[in-house]
């Protein structure tokens, strides 16, 4: 299982702070907490999430990058801005 926290870059205000229940997290045993930067405008995600601190497992980084775009739908849940996404377990 994993846990996600999404905060606004400029203010540090937390918008999402919850366990990830609806995604099958890869079974890599030795991954570390990761951090991604997300930019959102009125149309949704501006670019795919950018990994700023890797989990040290490429498959885990790729999984969560896709999850933020297609599973969590951050572009639909948050207003325009810059956000820091931290994922751990």
C-alpha atoms as a PDB file:
ATOM      1  CA  UNK A   1       0.000   0.000   0.000  1.00  0.00           C
ATOM      2  CA  UNK A   2       1.009   3.628  -0.354  1.00  0.00           C
ATOM      3  CA  UNK A   3       0.077   7.076   0.917  1.00  0.00           C
ATOM      4  CA  UNK A   4      -0.169  10.331  -1.043  1.00  0.00           C
ATOM      5  CA  UNK A   5       0.092  13.955  -0.014  1.00  0.00           C
ATOM      6  CA  UNK A   6      -0.426  16.865  -2.418  1.00  0.00           C
ATOM      7  CA  UNK A   7       0.574  20.374  -1.365  1.00  0.00           C
ATOM      8  CA  UNK A   8       0.576  23.676  -3.214  1.00  0.00           C
ATOM      9  CA  UNK A   9       4.137  24.744  -4.050  1.00  0.00           C
ATOM     10  CA  UNK A  10       3.888  28.382  -3.040  1.00  0.00           C
ATOM     11  CA  UNK A  11       1.833  28.125   0.140  1.00  0.00           C
ATOM     12  CA  UNK A  12       2.422  24.584   1.404  1.00  0.00           C
ATOM     13  CA  UNK A  13      -1.350  24.176   1.772  1.00  0.00           C
ATOM     14  CA  UNK A  14      -2.332  20.494   1.740  1.00  0.00           C
ATOM     15  CA  UNK A  15      -5.091  19.517  -0.698  1.00  0.00           C
ATOM     16  CA  UNK A  16      -4.869  15.718  -0.622  1.00  0.00           C
ATOM     17  CA  UNK A  17      -3.600  13.611   2.275  1.00  0.00           C
ATOM     18  CA  UNK A  18      -4.853  10.040   2.032  1.00  0.00           C
ATOM     19  CA  UNK A  19      -3.977   6.376   1.510  1.00  0.00           C
ATOM     20  CA  UNK A  20      -3.931   5.096  -2.054  1.00  0.00           C
ATOM     21  CA  UNK A  21      -6.594   2.401  -2.032  1.00  0.00           C
ATOM     22  CA  UNK A  22      -7.667   2.076  -5.640  1.00  0.00           C
ATOM     23  CA  UNK A  23      -4.306   1.339  -7.285  1.00  0.00           C
ATOM     24  CA  UNK A  24      -2.249  -1.818  -7.423  1.00  0.00           C
ATOM     25  CA  UNK A  25       1.145  -0.533  -6.323  1.00  0.00           C
ATOM     26  CA  UNK A  26       4.116  -2.401  -7.841  1.00  0.00           C
ATOM     27  CA  UNK A  27       5.622  -4.960  -5.498  1.00  0.00           C
ATOM     28  CA  UNK A  28       9.156  -3.546  -5.479  1.00  0.00           C
ATOM     29  CA  UNK A  29      10.284  -4.106  -1.902  1.00  0.00           C
ATOM     30  CA  UNK A  30      13.001  -1.515  -1.658  1.00  0.00           C
ATOM     31  CA  UNK A  31      11.461   1.684  -3.017  1.00  0.00           C
ATOM     32  CA  UNK A  32      11.845   4.953  -1.171  1.00  0.00           C
ATOM     33  CA  UNK A  33       9.320   7.803  -0.816  1.00  0.00           C
ATOM     34  CA  UNK A  34       9.175   9.804  -4.041  1.00  0.00           C
ATOM     35  CA  UNK A  35       8.292  13.359  -4.927  1.00  0.00           C
ATOM     36  CA  UNK A  36       6.851  14.783  -8.125  1.00  0.00           C
ATOM     37  CA  UNK A  37       6.068  18.266  -9.346  1.00  0.00           C
ATOM     38  CA  UNK A  38       2.739  18.830 -11.063  1.00  0.00           C
ATOM     39  CA  UNK A  39       1.584  21.873 -13.036  1.00  0.00           C
ATOM     40  CA  UNK A  40      -2.134  22.357 -13.633  1.00  0.00           C
ATOM     41  CA  UNK A  41      -3.948  24.953 -15.707  1.00  0.00           C
ATOM     42  CA  UNK A  42      -7.659  25.363 -16.530  1.00  0.00           C
ATOM     43  CA  UNK A  43      -7.477  22.485 -19.029  1.00  0.00           C
ATOM     44  CA  UNK A  44      -5.838  20.061 -16.563  1.00  0.00           C
ATOM     45  CA  UNK A  45      -2.274  18.774 -16.324  1.00  0.00           C
ATOM     46  CA  UNK A  46       0.099  20.961 -18.340  1.00  0.00           C
ATOM     47  CA  UNK A  47       2.776  18.282 -18.738  1.00  0.00           C
ATOM     48  CA  UNK A  48       3.203  14.812 -17.263  1.00  0.00           C
ATOM     49  CA  UNK A  49       4.300  14.857 -13.607  1.00  0.00           C
ATOM     50  CA  UNK A  50       8.039  15.434 -13.174  1.00  0.00           C
ATOM     51  CA  UNK A  51       9.946  13.259 -10.710  1.00  0.00           C
ATOM     52  CA  UNK A  52      11.991  15.509  -8.425  1.00  0.00           C
ATOM     53  CA  UNK A  53      13.000  12.775  -5.958  1.00  0.00           C
ATOM     54  CA  UNK A  54      13.007   9.204  -7.260  1.00  0.00           C
ATOM     55  CA  UNK A  55      11.798   6.132  -5.414  1.00  0.00           C
ATOM     56  CA  UNK A  56      15.036   4.470  -6.642  1.00  0.00           C
ATOM     57  CA  UNK A  57      12.891   1.962  -8.545  1.00  0.00           C
ATOM     58  CA  UNK A  58      12.109   3.024 -12.120  1.00  0.00           C
ATOM     59  CA  UNK A  59       8.980   0.870 -12.319  1.00  0.00           C
ATOM     60  CA  UNK A  60       7.568   2.508  -9.197  1.00  0.00           C
ATOM     61  CA  UNK A  61       8.287   6.026 -10.504  1.00  0.00           C
ATOM     62  CA  UNK A  62       6.622   5.170 -13.828  1.00  0.00           C
ATOM     63  CA  UNK A  63       3.630   3.582 -12.111  1.00  0.00           C
ATOM     64  CA  UNK A  64       2.922   6.608  -9.928  1.00  0.00           C
ATOM     65  CA  UNK A  65       3.493   9.087 -12.774  1.00  0.00           C
ATOM     66  CA  UNK A  66       0.793   7.261 -14.748  1.00  0.00           C
ATOM     67  CA  UNK A  67      -1.420   6.944 -11.657  1.00  0.00           C
ATOM     68  CA  UNK A  68      -1.384  10.714 -11.094  1.00  0.00           C
ATOM     69  CA  UNK A  69      -2.440  11.335 -14.698  1.00  0.00           C
ATOM     70  CA  UNK A  70      -4.924   8.520 -15.241  1.00  0.00           C
ATOM     71  CA  UNK A  71      -6.008   7.147 -11.860  1.00  0.00           C
ATOM     72  CA  UNK A  72      -6.103  10.065  -9.454  1.00  0.00           C
ATOM     73  CA  UNK A  73      -7.067  12.627 -12.121  1.00  0.00           C
ATOM     74  CA  UNK A  74      -5.266  15.483 -10.392  1.00  0.00           C
ATOM     75  CA  UNK A  75      -6.083  17.857 -13.241  1.00  0.00           C
ATOM     76  CA  UNK A  76      -9.761  17.449 -12.437  1.00  0.00           C
ATOM     77  CA  UNK A  77      -9.421  17.609  -8.646  1.00  0.00           C
ATOM     78  CA  UNK A  78      -7.188  20.663  -8.242  1.00  0.00           C
ATOM     79  CA  UNK A  79      -7.306  24.230  -9.464  1.00  0.00           C
ATOM     80  CA  UNK A  80      -4.608  25.844 -11.593  1.00  0.00           C
ATOM     81  CA  UNK A  81      -1.239  25.991  -9.891  1.00  0.00           C
ATOM     82  CA  UNK A  82       1.970  24.222  -9.050  1.00  0.00           C
ATOM     83  CA  UNK A  83       1.860  21.268  -6.666  1.00  0.00           C
ATOM     84  CA  UNK A  84       4.279  18.940  -4.900  1.00  0.00           C
ATOM     85  CA  UNK A  85       3.150  15.321  -4.701  1.00  0.00           C
ATOM     86  CA  UNK A  86       4.799  13.084  -2.109  1.00  0.00           C
ATOM     87  CA  UNK A  87       4.150   9.341  -2.154  1.00  0.00           C
ATOM     88  CA  UNK A  88       5.379   6.926   0.485  1.00  0.00           C
ATOM     89  CA  UNK A  89       4.248   3.902   2.394  1.00  0.00           C
END
